[in-house]
Amino acid sequence: MNLTQWATLYIVMAFLAANIPWFSSRRYLIGPNTPAKTLPWYLGEWLAAYVIMGLVGMALERMLLGSNHGQGWEFYVVALCMFAVFAIPGFLWRFNIVPILHRS
């Protein structure tokens, strides 16, 4: 695989990772199935997914390029914002669609 294909795969993985917490009622995907999982749980899982994807990205960069480039705080803020945008479909599903489905 070339660098473009790796980058595309990483972006797809980040999109999926940003949405997984919102689609699962299990705590960190391995805990008990709890229908009353609160917003702080979802946000904690989402933040953990951000950190994990950051570590995967750093490992992928080291594997493909041989070293990691130094990044300033601006890079991590932009990456966090992008991860938040990726999570919009899952957030809308959990807090807008699911309550409507349960009302019917």
N, C-alpha and C. Protein backbone atom coordinates (compact mmCIF):
# COMPACT_ATOMS: atom_id res chain seq x y z
N MET A 1 0.84 -1.19 0.00
CA MET A 1 0.00 0.00 0.00
C MET A 1 0.88 1.25 0.00
N ASN A 2 0.43 2.25 -0.74
CA ASN A 2 1.21 3.49 -0.76
C ASN A 2 0.71 4.42 0.35
N LEU A 3 1.36 5.56 0.47
CA LEU A 3 1.07 6.50 1.56
C LEU A 3 -0.36 7.03 1.49
N THR A 4 -0.87 7.29 0.30
CA THR A 4 -2.24 7.79 0.15
C THR A 4 -3.25 6.77 0.63
N GLN A 5 -3.04 5.52 0.31
CA GLN A 5 -3.96 4.47 0.76
C GLN A 5 -3.92 4.32 2.28
N TRP A 6 -2.74 4.41 2.88
CA TRP A 6 -2.63 4.35 4.34
C TRP A 6 -3.37 5.51 4.98
N ALA A 7 -3.21 6.71 4.41
CA ALA A 7 -3.88 7.89 4.95
C ALA A 7 -5.39 7.76 4.85
N THR A 8 -5.88 7.25 3.73
CA THR A 8 -7.32 7.04 3.56
C THR A 8 -7.84 6.02 4.56
N LEU A 9 -7.11 4.93 4.74
CA LEU A 9 -7.50 3.91 5.71
C LEU A 9 -7.53 4.48 7.12
N TYR A 10 -6.56 5.31 7.46
CA TYR A 10 -6.51 5.92 8.79
C TYR A 10 -7.70 6.86 9.01
N ILE A 11 -8.06 7.63 8.01
CA ILE A 11 -9.21 8.54 8.14
C ILE A 11 -10.50 7.76 8.31
N VAL A 12 -10.67 6.68 7.59
CA VAL A 12 -11.86 5.83 7.75
C VAL A 12 -11.88 5.21 9.14
N MET A 13 -10.72 4.75 9.62
CA MET A 13 -10.65 4.19 10.98
C MET A 13 -11.00 5.24 12.02
N ALA A 14 -10.53 6.47 11.83
CA ALA A 14 -10.82 7.56 12.77
C ALA A 14 -12.31 7.88 12.77
N PHE A 15 -12.94 7.88 11.60
CA PHE A 15 -14.38 8.12 11.52
C PHE A 15 -15.15 7.05 12.28
N LEU A 16 -14.78 5.80 12.08
CA LEU A 16 -15.45 4.70 12.79
C LEU A 16 -15.21 4.79 14.29
N ALA A 17 -13.98 5.09 14.69
CA ALA A 17 -13.65 5.18 16.11
C ALA A 17 -14.40 6.33 16.78
N ALA A 18 -14.62 7.41 16.08
CA ALA A 18 -15.34 8.55 16.65
C ALA A 18 -16.80 8.24 16.86
N ASN A 19 -17.35 7.29 16.11
CA ASN A 19 -18.77 6.97 16.20
C ASN A 19 -19.09 5.75 17.04
N ILE A 20 -18.13 4.89 17.29
CA ILE A 20 -18.40 3.66 18.04
C ILE A 20 -18.99 3.92 19.42
N PRO A 21 -18.50 4.88 20.21
CA PRO A 21 -19.08 5.07 21.54
C PRO A 21 -20.56 5.42 21.52
N TRP A 22 -21.00 6.13 20.50
CA TRP A 22 -22.39 6.58 20.45
C TRP A 22 -23.34 5.47 20.04
N PHE A 23 -22.86 4.44 19.36
CA PHE A 23 -23.72 3.36 18.89
C PHE A 23 -23.78 2.18 19.85
N SER A 24 -22.99 2.19 20.89
CA SER A 24 -22.94 1.06 21.82
C SER A 24 -23.44 1.47 23.20
N SER A 25 -24.22 0.59 23.82
CA SER A 25 -24.67 0.82 25.19
C SER A 25 -23.72 0.20 26.21
N ARG A 26 -22.72 -0.50 25.72
CA ARG A 26 -21.74 -1.12 26.61
C ARG A 26 -20.66 -0.10 26.98
N ARG A 27 -20.17 -0.19 28.18
CA ARG A 27 -19.11 0.72 28.61
C ARG A 27 -17.78 0.26 28.04
N TYR A 28 -17.17 1.11 27.25
CA TYR A 28 -15.91 0.83 26.56
C TYR A 28 -15.98 -0.46 25.74
N LEU A 29 -17.13 -0.76 25.21
CA LEU A 29 -17.41 -1.90 24.33
C LEU A 29 -17.24 -3.26 24.99
N ILE A 30 -16.78 -3.31 26.24
CA ILE A 30 -16.58 -4.62 26.88
C ILE A 30 -17.34 -4.74 28.19
N GLY A 31 -17.82 -3.64 28.71
CA GLY A 31 -18.52 -3.65 30.00
C GLY A 31 -19.94 -4.15 29.86
N PRO A 32 -20.71 -4.06 30.94
CA PRO A 32 -22.09 -4.52 30.90
C PRO A 32 -22.94 -3.63 30.00
N ASN A 33 -24.00 -4.21 29.46
CA ASN A 33 -24.93 -3.48 28.61
C ASN A 33 -25.83 -2.64 29.51
N THR A 34 -25.65 -1.33 29.50
CA THR A 34 -26.41 -0.45 30.39
C THR A 34 -27.21 0.55 29.57
N PRO A 35 -28.52 0.49 29.63
CA PRO A 35 -29.32 1.44 28.86
C PRO A 35 -29.24 2.86 29.43
N ALA A 36 -28.80 3.02 30.68
CA ALA A 36 -28.76 4.33 31.31
C ALA A 36 -27.36 4.94 31.29
N LYS A 37 -26.58 4.65 30.27
CA LYS A 37 -25.25 5.25 30.16
C LYS A 37 -25.43 6.75 29.93
N THR A 38 -24.73 7.55 30.71
CA THR A 38 -24.94 8.99 30.68
C THR A 38 -23.96 9.68 29.72
N LEU A 39 -24.22 10.95 29.47
CA LEU A 39 -23.38 11.72 28.55
C LEU A 39 -21.91 11.73 28.96
N PRO A 40 -21.57 11.88 30.25
CA PRO A 40 -20.14 11.81 30.61
C PRO A 40 -19.48 10.49 30.22
N TRP A 41 -20.21 9.39 30.29
CA TRP A 41 -19.65 8.10 29.85
C TRP A 41 -19.35 8.14 28.36
N TYR A 42 -20.34 8.63 27.59
CA TYR A 42 -20.13 8.71 26.14
C TYR A 42 -18.93 9.59 25.80
N LEU A 43 -18.84 10.74 26.46
CA LEU A 43 -17.73 11.66 26.19
C LEU A 43 -16.39 11.07 26.61
N GLY A 44 -16.37 10.35 27.73
CA GLY A 44 -15.14 9.69 28.16
C GLY A 44 -14.69 8.63 27.17
N GLU A 45 -15.63 7.85 26.68
CA GLU A 45 -15.29 6.84 25.68
C GLU A 45 -14.82 7.49 24.39
N TRP A 46 -15.48 8.59 24.01
CA TRP A 46 -15.10 9.29 22.79
C TRP A 46 -13.69 9.86 22.92
N LEU A 47 -13.38 10.43 24.08
CA LEU A 47 -12.04 10.98 24.31
C LEU A 47 -10.99 9.87 24.33
N ALA A 48 -11.33 8.72 24.91
CA ALA A 48 -10.41 7.58 24.90
C ALA A 48 -10.16 7.12 23.46
N ALA A 49 -11.20 7.12 22.63
CA ALA A 49 -11.04 6.75 21.22
C ALA A 49 -10.13 7.74 20.50
N TYR A 50 -10.24 9.03 20.85
CA TYR A 50 -9.36 10.06 20.25
C TYR A 50 -7.90 9.78 20.61
N VAL A 51 -7.64 9.47 21.86
CA VAL A 51 -6.27 9.20 22.30
C VAL A 51 -5.73 7.95 21.61
N ILE A 52 -6.55 6.91 21.54
CA ILE A 52 -6.13 5.66 20.89
C ILE A 52 -5.82 5.90 19.41
N MET A 53 -6.69 6.66 18.73
CA MET A 53 -6.43 6.93 17.32
C MET A 53 -5.20 7.81 17.14
N GLY A 54 -4.92 8.69 18.08
CA GLY A 54 -3.70 9.48 18.02
C GLY A 54 -2.47 8.61 18.14
N LEU A 55 -2.52 7.64 19.05
CA LEU A 55 -1.39 6.72 19.20
C LEU A 55 -1.22 5.83 17.97
N VAL A 56 -2.34 5.39 17.40
CA VAL A 56 -2.27 4.59 16.16
C VAL A 56 -1.66 5.43 15.04
N GLY A 57 -2.07 6.69 14.96
CA GLY A 57 -1.52 7.58 13.93
C GLY A 57 -0.03 7.79 14.10
N MET A 58 0.42 7.97 15.34
CA MET A 58 1.85 8.14 15.59
C MET A 58 2.62 6.88 15.22
N ALA A 59 2.07 5.72 15.56
CA ALA A 59 2.73 4.46 15.21
C ALA A 59 2.77 4.26 13.70
N LEU A 60 1.69 4.63 13.03
CA LEU A 60 1.64 4.51 11.58
C LEU A 60 2.64 5.44 10.91
N GLU A 61 2.75 6.67 11.42
CA GLU A 61 3.72 7.62 10.89
C GLU A 61 5.15 7.11 11.07
N ARG A 62 5.44 6.56 12.24
CA ARG A 62 6.78 6.02 12.49
C ARG A 62 7.07 4.84 11.57
N MET A 63 6.05 3.99 11.34
CA MET A 63 6.23 2.83 10.49
C MET A 63 6.47 3.24 9.03
N LEU A 64 5.71 4.23 8.56
CA LEU A 64 5.80 4.60 7.15
C LEU A 64 6.96 5.54 6.84
N LEU A 65 7.26 6.47 7.76
CA LEU A 65 8.27 7.48 7.48
C LEU A 65 9.56 7.30 8.25
N GLY A 66 9.57 6.44 9.25
CA GLY A 66 10.78 6.18 10.00
C GLY A 66 10.93 7.02 11.25
N SER A 67 10.19 8.12 11.36
CA SER A 67 10.24 8.96 12.56
C SER A 67 8.95 9.77 12.64
N ASN A 68 8.73 10.35 13.80
CA ASN A 68 7.56 11.21 14.00
C ASN A 68 7.96 12.67 13.90
N HIS A 69 7.14 13.45 13.25
CA HIS A 69 7.38 14.89 13.17
C HIS A 69 6.87 15.54 14.45
N GLY A 70 7.60 16.51 14.94
CA GLY A 70 7.15 17.24 16.11
C GLY A 70 5.93 18.09 15.78
N GLN A 71 4.93 18.07 16.65
CA GLN A 71 3.70 18.83 16.43
C GLN A 71 3.49 19.78 17.60
N GLY A 72 2.97 20.95 17.29
CA GLY A 72 2.61 21.90 18.33
C GLY A 72 1.19 21.64 18.83
N TRP A 73 0.77 22.41 19.81
CA TRP A 73 -0.55 22.21 20.38
C TRP A 73 -1.65 22.47 19.36
N GLU A 74 -1.38 23.31 18.35
CA GLU A 74 -2.38 23.62 17.33
C GLU A 74 -2.80 22.37 16.56
N PHE A 75 -1.84 21.51 16.28
CA PHE A 75 -2.14 20.27 15.56
C PHE A 75 -3.14 19.41 16.33
N TYR A 76 -2.92 19.28 17.62
CA TYR A 76 -3.79 18.43 18.44
C TYR A 76 -5.18 19.04 18.60
N VAL A 77 -5.27 20.36 18.65
CA VAL A 77 -6.59 21.02 18.74
C VAL A 77 -7.36 20.81 17.44
N VAL A 78 -6.69 20.97 16.31
CA VAL A 78 -7.35 20.74 15.02
C VAL A 78 -7.76 19.28 14.88
N ALA A 79 -6.91 18.35 15.31
CA ALA A 79 -7.25 16.93 15.24
C ALA A 79 -8.45 16.62 16.14
N LEU A 80 -8.51 17.22 17.32
CA LEU A 80 -9.65 17.03 18.21
C LEU A 80 -10.94 17.57 17.59
N CYS A 81 -10.86 18.73 16.96
CA CYS A 81 -12.03 19.30 16.29
C CYS A 81 -12.48 18.42 15.13
N MET A 82 -11.53 17.88 14.37
CA MET A 82 -11.88 16.99 13.28
C MET A 82 -12.53 15.71 13.81
N PHE A 83 -12.02 15.21 14.91
CA PHE A 83 -12.60 14.01 15.53
C PHE A 83 -14.02 14.31 16.02
N ALA A 84 -14.25 15.53 16.52
CA ALA A 84 -15.60 15.93 16.95
C ALA A 84 -16.55 15.99 15.76
N VAL A 85 -16.08 16.51 14.64
CA VAL A 85 -16.92 16.55 13.44
C VAL A 85 -17.23 15.13 12.97
N PHE A 86 -16.25 14.25 13.02
CA PHE A 86 -16.49 12.85 12.65
C PHE A 86 -17.55 12.21 13.53
N ALA A 87 -17.67 12.63 14.78
CA ALA A 87 -18.60 12.01 15.72
C ALA A 87 -20.03 12.52 15.60
N ILE A 88 -20.28 13.50 14.76
CA ILE A 88 -21.62 14.08 14.65
C ILE A 88 -22.69 13.04 14.28
N PRO A 89 -22.47 12.15 13.29
CA PRO A 89 -23.53 11.18 12.98
C PRO A 89 -23.90 10.29 14.18
N GLY A 90 -22.93 9.82 14.92
CA GLY A 90 -23.21 8.97 16.08
C GLY A 90 -23.91 9.74 17.19
N PHE A 91 -23.48 10.98 17.43
CA PHE A 91 -24.11 11.81 18.46
C PHE A 91 -25.56 12.08 18.11
N LEU A 92 -25.83 12.42 16.86
CA LEU A 92 -27.21 12.66 16.44
C LEU A 92 -28.05 11.39 16.56
N TRP A 93 -27.46 10.27 16.22
CA TRP A 93 -28.18 9.01 16.34
C TRP A 93 -28.56 8.76 17.80
N ARG A 94 -27.62 8.90 18.71
CA ARG A 94 -27.85 8.57 20.12
C ARG A 94 -28.84 9.52 20.78
N PHE A 95 -28.72 10.82 20.52
CA PHE A 95 -29.52 11.78 21.28
C PHE A 95 -30.69 12.38 20.51
N ASN A 96 -30.82 12.14 19.21
CA ASN A 96 -31.97 12.64 18.45
C ASN A 96 -32.82 11.53 17.87
N ILE A 97 -32.22 10.50 17.31
CA ILE A 97 -32.97 9.44 16.64
C ILE A 97 -33.46 8.38 17.61
N VAL A 98 -32.58 7.89 18.48
CA VAL A 98 -32.95 6.82 19.41
C VAL A 98 -34.11 7.22 20.32
N PRO A 99 -34.14 8.42 20.89
CA PRO A 99 -35.31 8.78 21.71
C PRO A 99 -36.62 8.79 20.92
N ILE A 100 -36.56 9.19 19.67
CA ILE A 100 -37.77 9.17 18.84
C ILE A 100 -38.21 7.74 18.58
N LEU A 101 -37.26 6.85 18.33
CA LEU A 101 -37.60 5.44 18.09
C LEU A 101 -38.19 4.78 19.34
N HIS A 102 -37.72 5.17 20.50
CA HIS A 102 -38.22 4.58 21.75
C HIS A 102 -39.58 5.13 22.14
N ARG A 103 -39.93 6.32 21.65
CA ARG A 103 -41.24 6.90 21.93
C ARG A 103 -42.34 6.19 21.17
N SER A 104 -42.03 5.72 19.97
CA SER A 104 -43.06 5.11 19.12
C SER A 104 -43.49 3.77 19.61
